Amino acid sequence: MNTLKKFELMEKIVRELEDLQNSQQALIQKIGKIEVDNIELGDKRLEKDLPDMHQRLADNLDTIVSILDYFADKTSNFGDKNNIDALKEQQAINDATS
């Protein structure tokens, strides 16, 4: 895999991790809303299980954020080290002359 393709794949993974982070945050918010609604309802099963679900989702979010920070940094460093902007310019020139 050439350097530009590798960088593009790394950028794609960063976007997918960002999407995963957003999805996880949305799930946490939904669980929180259900927990609040259940305060009024008082269902025992929901009282028992929702806090554990909320905690697992929060733990997963922490892991996703950590991985995203690591991989976004790695991607940026790879781009800087390999002068990706110049490679993109060269690719555009190559595509235009083909």
PDB file of N, CA and C in Angstrom:
ATOM      1  N   MET A   1       0.854  -1.165   0.000  1.00  0.00           N
ATOM      2  CA  MET A   1       0.000   0.000   0.000  1.00  0.00           C
ATOM      3  C   MET A   1       0.901   1.229   0.000  1.00  0.00           C
ATOM      4  N   ASN A   2       0.618   2.141  -0.932  1.00  0.00           N
ATOM      5  CA  ASN A   2       1.465   3.323  -0.981  1.00  0.00           C
ATOM      6  C   ASN A   2       1.136   4.270   0.170  1.00  0.00           C
ATOM      7  N   THR A   3       1.990   5.225   0.386  1.00  0.00           N
ATOM      8  CA  THR A   3       1.894   6.120   1.539  1.00  0.00           C
ATOM      9  C   THR A   3       0.604   6.919   1.545  1.00  0.00           C
ATOM     10  N   LEU A   4       0.197   7.441   0.401  1.00  0.00           N
ATOM     11  CA  LEU A   4      -1.024   8.242   0.335  1.00  0.00           C
ATOM     12  C   LEU A   4      -2.255   7.389   0.646  1.00  0.00           C
ATOM     13  N   LYS A   5      -2.310   6.200   0.100  1.00  0.00           N
ATOM     14  CA  LYS A   5      -3.434   5.293   0.375  1.00  0.00           C
ATOM     15  C   LYS A   5      -3.470   4.929   1.858  1.00  0.00           C
ATOM     16  N   LYS A   6      -2.312   4.689   2.446  1.00  0.00           N
ATOM     17  CA  LYS A   6      -2.247   4.357   3.865  1.00  0.00           C
ATOM     18  C   LYS A   6      -2.770   5.530   4.704  1.00  0.00           C
ATOM     19  N   PHE A   7      -2.365   6.743   4.352  1.00  0.00           N
ATOM     20  CA  PHE A   7      -2.827   7.922   5.085  1.00  0.00           C
ATOM     21  C   PHE A   7      -4.339   8.088   4.945  1.00  0.00           C
ATOM     22  N   GLU A   8      -4.863   7.891   3.736  1.00  0.00           N
ATOM     23  CA  GLU A   8      -6.300   8.008   3.518  1.00  0.00           C
ATOM     24  C   GLU A   8      -7.068   6.970   4.338  1.00  0.00           C
ATOM     25  N   LEU A   9      -6.541   5.771   4.442  1.00  0.00           N
ATOM     26  CA  LEU A   9      -7.170   4.738   5.258  1.00  0.00           C
ATOM     27  C   LEU A   9      -7.113   5.113   6.743  1.00  0.00           C
ATOM     28  N   MET A  10      -5.995   5.666   7.164  1.00  0.00           N
ATOM     29  CA  MET A  10      -5.869   6.107   8.553  1.00  0.00           C
ATOM     30  C   MET A  10      -6.889   7.215   8.857  1.00  0.00           C
ATOM     31  N   GLU A  11      -7.053   8.153   7.914  1.00  0.00           N
ATOM     32  CA  GLU A  11      -8.045   9.222   8.093  1.00  0.00           C
ATOM     33  C   GLU A  11      -9.460   8.647   8.169  1.00  0.00           C
ATOM     34  N   LYS A  12      -9.727   7.643   7.359  1.00  0.00           N
ATOM     35  CA  LYS A  12     -11.038   6.995   7.384  1.00  0.00           C
ATOM     36  C   LYS A  12     -11.291   6.364   8.748  1.00  0.00           C
ATOM     37  N   ILE A  13     -10.294   5.711   9.300  1.00  0.00           N
ATOM     38  CA  ILE A  13     -10.439   5.090  10.618  1.00  0.00           C
ATOM     39  C   ILE A  13     -10.692   6.152  11.679  1.00  0.00           C
ATOM     40  N   VAL A  14     -10.016   7.287  11.597  1.00  0.00           N
ATOM     41  CA  VAL A  14     -10.247   8.382  12.545  1.00  0.00           C
ATOM     42  C   VAL A  14     -11.706   8.838  12.457  1.00  0.00           C
ATOM     43  N   ARG A  15     -12.219   9.004  11.237  1.00  0.00           N
ATOM     44  CA  ARG A  15     -13.625   9.416  11.066  1.00  0.00           C
ATOM     45  C   ARG A  15     -14.575   8.372  11.651  1.00  0.00           C
ATOM     46  N   GLU A  16     -14.272   7.103  11.441  1.00  0.00           N
ATOM     47  CA  GLU A  16     -15.114   6.039  11.975  1.00  0.00           C
ATOM     48  C   GLU A  16     -15.070   6.020  13.504  1.00  0.00           C
ATOM     49  N   LEU A  17     -13.910   6.264  14.083  1.00  0.00           N
ATOM     50  CA  LEU A  17     -13.802   6.344  15.540  1.00  0.00           C
ATOM     51  C   LEU A  17     -14.579   7.542  16.080  1.00  0.00           C
ATOM     52  N   GLU A  18     -14.537   8.662  15.359  1.00  0.00           N
ATOM     53  CA  GLU A  18     -15.315   9.837  15.768  1.00  0.00           C
ATOM     54  C   GLU A  18     -16.803   9.522  15.729  1.00  0.00           C
ATOM     55  N   ASP A  19     -17.233   8.816  14.691  1.00  0.00           N
ATOM     56  CA  ASP A  19     -18.635   8.416  14.578  1.00  0.00           C
ATOM     57  C   ASP A  19     -19.020   7.478  15.724  1.00  0.00           C
ATOM     58  N   LEU A  20     -18.139   6.555  16.032  1.00  0.00           N
ATOM     59  CA  LEU A  20     -18.364   5.625  17.142  1.00  0.00           C
ATOM     60  C   LEU A  20     -18.482   6.389  18.465  1.00  0.00           C
ATOM     61  N   GLN A  21     -17.627   7.379  18.645  1.00  0.00           N
ATOM     62  CA  GLN A  21     -17.670   8.206  19.849  1.00  0.00           C
ATOM     63  C   GLN A  21     -19.024   8.925  19.942  1.00  0.00           C
ATOM     64  N   ASN A  22     -19.463   9.517  18.842  1.00  0.00           N
ATOM     65  CA  ASN A  22     -20.745  10.216  18.827  1.00  0.00           C
ATOM     66  C   ASN A  22     -21.903   9.266  19.110  1.00  0.00           C
ATOM     67  N   SER A  23     -21.851   8.086  18.534  1.00  0.00           N
ATOM     68  CA  SER A  23     -22.896   7.088  18.772  1.00  0.00           C
ATOM     69  C   SER A  23     -22.928   6.665  20.234  1.00  0.00           C
ATOM     70  N   GLN A  24     -21.774   6.467  20.810  1.00  0.00           N
ATOM     71  CA  GLN A  24     -21.689   6.052  22.215  1.00  0.00           C
ATOM     72  C   GLN A  24     -22.234   7.156  23.116  1.00  0.00           C
ATOM     73  N   GLN A  25     -21.916   8.408  22.805  1.00  0.00           N
ATOM     74  CA  GLN A  25     -22.444   9.529  23.587  1.00  0.00           C
ATOM     75  C   GLN A  25     -23.967   9.578  23.491  1.00  0.00           C
ATOM     76  N   ALA A  26     -24.501   9.317  22.306  1.00  0.00           N
ATOM     77  CA  ALA A  26     -25.953   9.316  22.126  1.00  0.00           C
ATOM     78  C   ALA A  26     -26.602   8.206  22.951  1.00  0.00           C
ATOM     79  N   LEU A  27     -25.962   7.041  22.999  1.00  0.00           N
ATOM     80  CA  LEU A  27     -26.495   5.940  23.802  1.00  0.00           C
ATOM     81  C   LEU A  27     -26.504   6.299  25.287  1.00  0.00           C
ATOM     82  N   ILE A  28     -25.461   6.927  25.746  1.00  0.00           N
ATOM     83  CA  ILE A  28     -25.391   7.342  27.153  1.00  0.00           C
ATOM     84  C   ILE A  28     -26.517   8.329  27.463  1.00  0.00           C
ATOM     85  N   GLN A  29     -26.746   9.266  26.559  1.00  0.00           N
ATOM     86  CA  GLN A  29     -27.832  10.226  26.762  1.00  0.00           C
ATOM     87  C   GLN A  29     -29.188   9.536  26.795  1.00  0.00           C
ATOM     88  N   LYS A  30     -29.400   8.567  25.925  1.00  0.00           N
ATOM     89  CA  LYS A  30     -30.674   7.850  25.894  1.00  0.00           C
ATOM     90  C   LYS A  30     -30.890   7.065  27.184  1.00  0.00           C
ATOM     91  N   ILE A  31     -29.857   6.386  27.653  1.00  0.00           N
ATOM     92  CA  ILE A  31     -29.966   5.643  28.919  1.00  0.00           C
ATOM     93  C   ILE A  31     -30.286   6.620  30.051  1.00  0.00           C
ATOM     94  N   GLY A  32     -29.621   7.765  30.054  1.00  0.00           N
ATOM     95  CA  GLY A  32     -29.866   8.773  31.082  1.00  0.00           C
ATOM     96  C   GLY A  32     -31.321   9.245  31.072  1.00  0.00           C
ATOM     97  N   LYS A  33     -31.876   9.459  29.890  1.00  0.00           N
ATOM     98  CA  LYS A  33     -33.280   9.885  29.783  1.00  0.00           C
ATOM     99  C   LYS A  33     -34.212   8.801  30.313  1.00  0.00           C
ATOM    100  N   ILE A  34     -33.907   7.552  29.991  1.00  0.00           N
ATOM    101  CA  ILE A  34     -34.735   6.446  30.490  1.00  0.00           C
ATOM    102  C   ILE A  34     -34.629   6.375  32.015  1.00  0.00           C
ATOM    103  N   GLU A  35     -33.420   6.563  32.545  1.00  0.00           N
ATOM    104  CA  GLU A  35     -33.249   6.551  34.003  1.00  0.00           C
ATOM    105  C   GLU A  35     -34.078   7.652  34.657  1.00  0.00           C
ATOM    106  N   VAL A  36     -34.073   8.842  34.072  1.00  0.00           N
ATOM    107  CA  VAL A  36     -34.852   9.955  34.615  1.00  0.00           C
ATOM    108  C   VAL A  36     -36.345   9.641  34.539  1.00  0.00           C
ATOM    109  N   ASP A  37     -36.798   9.132  33.402  1.00  0.00           N
ATOM    110  CA  ASP A  37     -38.214   8.777  33.265  1.00  0.00           C
ATOM    111  C   ASP A  37     -38.615   7.699  34.267  1.00  0.00           C
ATOM    112  N   ASN A  38     -37.705   6.799  34.538  1.00  0.00           N
ATOM    113  CA  ASN A  38     -38.026   5.711  35.457  1.00  0.00           C
ATOM    114  C   ASN A  38     -38.076   6.180  36.918  1.00  0.00           C
ATOM    115  N   ILE A  39     -37.511   7.327  37.214  1.00  0.00           N
ATOM    116  CA  ILE A  39     -37.627   7.865  38.576  1.00  0.00           C
ATOM    117  C   ILE A  39     -39.117   8.022  38.903  1.00  0.00           C
ATOM    118  N   GLU A  40     -39.868   8.531  37.933  1.00  0.00           N
ATOM    119  CA  GLU A  40     -41.310   8.701  38.135  1.00  0.00           C
ATOM    120  C   GLU A  40     -42.044   7.362  38.080  1.00  0.00           C
ATOM    121  N   LEU A  41     -41.620   6.490  37.173  1.00  0.00           N
ATOM    122  CA  LEU A  41     -42.299   5.211  36.985  1.00  0.00           C
ATOM    123  C   LEU A  41     -41.980   4.230  38.097  1.00  0.00           C
ATOM    124  N   GLY A  42     -40.710   4.128  38.461  1.00  0.00           N
ATOM    125  CA  GLY A  42     -40.301   3.251  39.558  1.00  0.00           C
ATOM    126  C   GLY A  42     -40.233   1.774  39.229  1.00  0.00           C
ATOM    127  N   ASP A  43     -39.958   1.426  37.978  1.00  0.00           N
ATOM    128  CA  ASP A  43     -39.828   0.012  37.618  1.00  0.00           C
ATOM    129  C   ASP A  43     -38.542  -0.563  38.212  1.00  0.00           C
ATOM    130  N   LYS A  44     -38.696  -1.644  38.959  1.00  0.00           N
ATOM    131  CA  LYS A  44     -37.555  -2.236  39.690  1.00  0.00           C
ATOM    132  C   LYS A  44     -36.493  -2.803  38.752  1.00  0.00           C
ATOM    133  N   ARG A  45     -36.912  -3.431  37.668  1.00  0.00           N
ATOM    134  CA  ARG A  45     -35.931  -4.011  36.720  1.00  0.00           C
ATOM    135  C   ARG A  45     -35.090  -2.905  36.092  1.00  0.00           C
ATOM    136  N   LEU A  46     -35.748  -1.810  35.696  1.00  0.00           N
ATOM    137  CA  LEU A  46     -35.006  -0.700  35.114  1.00  0.00           C
ATOM    138  C   LEU A  46     -34.068  -0.083  36.150  1.00  0.00           C
ATOM    139  N   GLU A  47     -34.548   0.068  37.382  1.00  0.00           N
ATOM    140  CA  GLU A  47     -33.698   0.607  38.458  1.00  0.00           C
ATOM    141  C   GLU A  47     -32.464  -0.254  38.667  1.00  0.00           C
ATOM    142  N   LYS A  48     -32.634  -1.553  38.514  1.00  0.00           N
ATOM    143  CA  LYS A  48     -31.526  -2.498  38.743  1.00  0.00           C
ATOM    144  C   LYS A  48     -30.526  -2.498  37.587  1.00  0.00           C
ATOM    145  N   ASP A  49     -31.017  -2.539  36.364  1.00  0.00           N
ATOM    146  CA  ASP A  49     -30.137  -2.777  35.214  1.00  0.00           C
ATOM    147  C   ASP A  49     -29.589  -1.519  34.547  1.00  0.00           C
ATOM    148  N   LEU A  50     -30.353  -0.439  34.536  1.00  0.00           N
ATOM    149  CA  LEU A  50     -29.909   0.754  33.800  1.00  0.00           C
ATOM    150  C   LEU A  50     -28.604   1.361  34.323  1.00  0.00           C
ATOM    151  N   PRO A  51     -28.404   1.461  35.639  1.00  0.00           N
ATOM    152  CA  PRO A  51     -27.121   2.029  36.090  1.00  0.00           C
ATOM    153  C   PRO A  51     -25.901   1.228  35.623  1.00  0.00           C
ATOM    154  N   ASP A  52     -26.036  -0.095  35.600  1.00  0.00           N
ATOM    155  CA  ASP A  52     -24.928  -0.931  35.110  1.00  0.00           C
ATOM    156  C   ASP A  52     -24.697  -0.708  33.615  1.00  0.00           C
ATOM    157  N   MET A  53     -25.783  -0.615  32.857  1.00  0.00           N
ATOM    158  CA  MET A  53     -25.658  -0.344  31.423  1.00  0.00           C
ATOM    159  C   MET A  53     -24.995   1.008  31.204  1.00  0.00           C
ATOM    160  N   HIS A  54     -25.431   1.989  31.973  1.00  0.00           N
ATOM    161  CA  HIS A  54     -24.871   3.337  31.853  1.00  0.00           C
ATOM    162  C   HIS A  54     -23.359   3.314  32.122  1.00  0.00           C
ATOM    163  N   GLN A  55     -22.960   2.602  33.159  1.00  0.00           N
ATOM    164  CA  GLN A  55     -21.536   2.538  33.504  1.00  0.00           C
ATOM    165  C   GLN A  55     -20.722   1.842  32.423  1.00  0.00           C
ATOM    166  N   ARG A  56     -21.243   0.744  31.882  1.00  0.00           N
ATOM    167  CA  ARG A  56     -20.523   0.036  30.813  1.00  0.00           C
ATOM    168  C   ARG A  56     -20.379   0.921  29.570  1.00  0.00           C
ATOM    169  N   LEU A  57     -21.451   1.638  29.237  1.00  0.00           N
ATOM    170  CA  LEU A  57     -21.376   2.554  28.096  1.00  0.00           C
ATOM    171  C   LEU A  57     -20.354   3.662  28.350  1.00  0.00           C
ATOM    172  N   ALA A  58     -20.341   4.189  29.564  1.00  0.00           N
ATOM    173  CA  ALA A  58     -19.373   5.242  29.908  1.00  0.00           C
ATOM    174  C   ALA A  58     -17.948   4.709  29.839  1.00  0.00           C
ATOM    175  N   ASP A  59     -17.744   3.483  30.325  1.00  0.00           N
ATOM    176  CA  ASP A  59     -16.405   2.875  30.245  1.00  0.00           C
ATOM    177  C   ASP A  59     -15.977   2.682  28.796  1.00  0.00           C
ATOM    178  N   ASN A  60     -16.918   2.225  27.961  1.00  0.00           N
ATOM    179  CA  ASN A  60     -16.618   2.055  26.532  1.00  0.00           C
ATOM    180  C   ASN A  60     -16.279   3.396  25.891  1.00  0.00           C
ATOM    181  N   LEU A  61     -17.011   4.435  26.255  1.00  0.00           N
ATOM    182  CA  LEU A  61     -16.738   5.760  25.703  1.00  0.00           C
ATOM    183  C   LEU A  61     -15.330   6.211  26.083  1.00  0.00           C
ATOM    184  N   ASP A  62     -14.930   5.978  27.323  1.00  0.00           N
ATOM    185  CA  ASP A  62     -13.571   6.343  27.741  1.00  0.00           C
ATOM    186  C   ASP A  62     -12.527   5.628  26.883  1.00  0.00           C
ATOM    187  N   THR A  63     -12.768   4.361  26.602  1.00  0.00           N
ATOM    188  CA  THR A  63     -11.834   3.588  25.768  1.00  0.00           C
ATOM    189  C   THR A  63     -11.811   4.130  24.342  1.00  0.00           C
ATOM    190  N   ILE A  64     -12.980   4.424  23.803  1.00  0.00           N
ATOM    191  CA  ILE A  64     -13.062   4.963  22.436  1.00  0.00           C
ATOM    192  C   ILE A  64     -12.319   6.288  22.348  1.00  0.00           C
ATOM    193  N   VAL A  65     -12.529   7.170  23.324  1.00  0.00           N
ATOM    194  CA  VAL A  65     -11.856   8.480  23.327  1.00  0.00           C
ATOM    195  C   VAL A  65     -10.345   8.296  23.378  1.00  0.00           C
ATOM    196  N   SER A  66      -9.883   7.379  24.203  1.00  0.00           N
ATOM    197  CA  SER A  66      -8.452   7.123  24.315  1.00  0.00           C
ATOM    198  C   SER A  66      -7.874   6.617  22.992  1.00  0.00           C
ATOM    199  N   ILE A  67      -8.556   5.668  22.377  1.00  0.00           N
ATOM    200  CA  ILE A  67      -8.092   5.132  21.092  1.00  0.00           C
ATOM    201  C   ILE A  67      -8.126   6.217  20.021  1.00  0.00           C
ATOM    202  N   LEU A  68      -9.199   7.007  19.995  1.00  0.00           N
ATOM    203  CA  LEU A  68      -9.318   8.078  19.009  1.00  0.00           C
ATOM    204  C   LEU A  68      -8.188   9.089  19.163  1.00  0.00           C
ATOM    205  N   ASP A  69      -7.914   9.514  20.384  1.00  0.00           N
ATOM    206  CA  ASP A  69      -6.816  10.462  20.615  1.00  0.00           C
ATOM    207  C   ASP A  69      -5.488   9.894  20.121  1.00  0.00           C
ATOM    208  N   TYR A  70      -5.232   8.640  20.478  1.00  0.00           N
ATOM    209  CA  TYR A  70      -3.993   7.982  20.059  1.00  0.00           C
ATOM    210  C   TYR A  70      -3.896   7.912  18.536  1.00  0.00           C
ATOM    211  N   PHE A  71      -4.978   7.433  17.898  1.00  0.00           N
ATOM    212  CA  PHE A  71      -4.887   7.177  16.464  1.00  0.00           C
ATOM    213  C   PHE A  71      -4.926   8.461  15.649  1.00  0.00           C
ATOM    214  N   ALA A  72      -5.666   9.462  16.108  1.00  0.00           N
ATOM    215  CA  ALA A  72      -5.670  10.760  15.409  1.00  0.00           C
ATOM    216  C   ALA A  72      -4.280  11.380  15.467  1.00  0.00           C
ATOM    217  N   ASP A  73      -3.619  11.265  16.602  1.00  0.00           N
ATOM    218  CA  ASP A  73      -2.253  11.767  16.754  1.00  0.00           C
ATOM    219  C   ASP A  73      -1.297  11.002  15.839  1.00  0.00           C
ATOM    220  N   LYS A  74      -1.447   9.688  15.821  1.00  0.00           N
ATOM    221  CA  LYS A  74      -0.597   8.857  14.962  1.00  0.00           C
ATOM    222  C   LYS A  74      -0.797   9.230  13.493  1.00  0.00           C
ATOM    223  N   THR A  75      -2.050   9.451  13.100  1.00  0.00           N
ATOM    224  CA  THR A  75      -2.360   9.809  11.721  1.00  0.00           C
ATOM    225  C   THR A  75      -1.742  11.151  11.360  1.00  0.00           C
ATOM    226  N   SER A  76      -1.880  12.116  12.250  1.00  0.00           N
ATOM    227  CA  SER A  76      -1.307  13.440  12.015  1.00  0.00           C
ATOM    228  C   SER A  76       0.214  13.364  11.889  1.00  0.00           C
ATOM    229  N   ASN A  77       0.849  12.632  12.776  1.00  0.00           N
ATOM    230  CA  ASN A  77       2.307  12.479  12.730  1.00  0.00           C
ATOM    231  C   ASN A  77       2.746  11.780  11.447  1.00  0.00           C
ATOM    232  N   PHE A  78       1.982  10.768  11.035  1.00  0.00           N
ATOM    233  CA  PHE A  78       2.299  10.061   9.790  1.00  0.00           C
ATOM    234  C   PHE A  78       2.205  11.024   8.605  1.00  0.00           C
ATOM    235  N   GLY A  79       1.149  11.848   8.609  1.00  0.00           N
ATOM    236  CA  GLY A  79       0.975  12.826   7.532  1.00  0.00           C
ATOM    237  C   GLY A  79       2.111  13.825   7.483  1.00  0.00           C
ATOM    238  N   ASP A  80       2.521  14.331   8.641  1.00  0.00           N
ATOM    239  CA  ASP A  80       3.628  15.290   8.709  1.00  0.00           C
ATOM    240  C   ASP A  80       4.942  14.646   8.264  1.00  0.00           C
ATOM    241  N   LYS A  81       5.209  13.462   8.767  1.00  0.00           N
ATOM    242  CA  LYS A  81       6.466  12.762   8.481  1.00  0.00           C
ATOM    243  C   LYS A  81       6.606  12.442   6.993  1.00  0.00           C
ATOM    244  N   ASN A  82       5.484  12.135   6.355  1.00  0.00           N
ATOM    245  CA  ASN A  82       5.527  11.703   4.953  1.00  0.00           C
ATOM    246  C   ASN A  82       5.113  12.784   3.968  1.00  0.00           C
ATOM    247  N   ASN A  83       5.005  14.030   4.444  1.00  0.00           N
ATOM    248  CA  ASN A  83       4.684  15.168   3.582  1.00  0.00           C
ATOM    249  C   ASN A  83       3.481  14.865   2.690  1.00  0.00           C
ATOM    250  N   ILE A  84       2.376  14.517   3.344  1.00  0.00           N
ATOM    251  CA  ILE A  84       1.172  14.088   2.644  1.00  0.00           C
ATOM    252  C   ILE A  84       0.629  15.172   1.707  1.00  0.00           C
ATOM    253  N   ASP A  85       0.733  16.445   2.117  1.00  0.00           N
ATOM    254  CA  ASP A  85       0.232  17.518   1.247  1.00  0.00           C
ATOM    255  C   ASP A  85       0.915  17.489  -0.119  1.00  0.00           C
ATOM    256  N   ALA A  86       2.218  17.279  -0.124  1.00  0.00           N
ATOM    257  CA  ALA A  86       2.950  17.204  -1.393  1.00  0.00           C
ATOM    258  C   ALA A  86       2.532  15.965  -2.190  1.00  0.00           C
ATOM    259  N   LEU A  87       2.306  14.863  -1.495  1.00  0.00           N
ATOM    260  CA  LEU A  87       1.865  13.652  -2.186  1.00  0.00           C
ATOM    261  C   LEU A  87       0.477  13.843  -2.808  1.00  0.00           C
ATOM    262  N   LYS A  88      -0.402  14.544  -2.099  1.00  0.00           N
ATOM    263  CA  LYS A  88      -1.742  14.829  -2.635  1.00  0.00           C
ATOM    264  C   LYS A  88      -1.651  15.726  -3.868  1.00  0.00           C
ATOM    265  N   GLU A  89      -0.777  16.732  -3.802  1.00  0.00           N
ATOM    266  CA  GLU A  89      -0.578  17.611  -4.956  1.00  0.00           C
ATOM    267  C   GLU A  89      -0.068  16.822  -6.154  1.00  0.00           C
ATOM    268  N   GLN A  90       0.902  15.963  -5.917  1.00  0.00           N
ATOM    269  CA  GLN A  90       1.447  15.152  -6.996  1.00  0.00           C
ATOM    270  C   GLN A  90       0.388  14.218  -7.568  1.00  0.00           C
ATOM    271  N   GLN A  91      -0.425  13.649  -6.698  1.00  0.00           N
ATOM    272  CA  GLN A  91      -1.502  12.764  -7.151  1.00  0.00           C
ATOM    273  C   GLN A  91      -2.504  13.530  -8.017  1.00  0.00           C
ATOM    274  N   ALA A  92      -2.827  14.765  -7.616  1.00  0.00           N
ATOM    275  CA  ALA A  92      -3.755  15.588  -8.394  1.00  0.00           C
ATOM    276  C   ALA A  92      -3.178  15.901  -9.775  1.00  0.00           C
ATOM    277  N   ILE A  93      -1.879  16.187  -9.807  1.00  0.00           N
ATOM    278  CA  ILE A  93      -1.216  16.451 -11.090  1.00  0.00           C
ATOM    279  C   ILE A  93      -1.251  15.194 -11.963  1.00  0.00           C
ATOM    280  N   ASN A  94      -0.933  14.066 -11.354  1.00  0.00           N
ATOM    281  CA  ASN A  94      -0.939  12.797 -12.087  1.00  0.00           C
ATOM    282  C   ASN A  94      -2.335  12.491 -12.635  1.00  0.00           C
ATOM    283  N   ASP A  95      -3.364  12.735 -11.824  1.00  0.00           N
ATOM    284  CA  ASP A  95      -4.734  12.465 -12.251  1.00  0.00           C
ATOM    285  C   ASP A  95      -5.134  13.397 -13.381  1.00  0.00           C
ATOM    286  N   ALA A  96      -4.689  14.652 -13.311  1.00  0.00           N
ATOM    287  CA  ALA A  96      -5.053  15.639 -14.334  1.00  0.00           C
ATOM    288  C   ALA A  96      -4.380  15.350 -15.675  1.00  0.00           C
ATOM    289  N   THR A  97      -3.196  14.763 -15.638  1.00  0.00           N
ATOM    290  CA  THR A  97      -2.468  14.515 -16.876  1.00  0.00           C
ATOM    291  C   THR A  97      -2.746  13.128 -17.446  1.00  0.00           C
ATOM    292  N   SER A  98      -3.501  12.330 -16.726  1.00  0.00           N
ATOM    293  CA  SER A  98      -3.810  10.975 -17.208  1.00  0.00           C
ATOM    294  C   SER A  98      -4.980  10.955 -18.156  1.00  0.00           C
TER     295      SER A  98
END
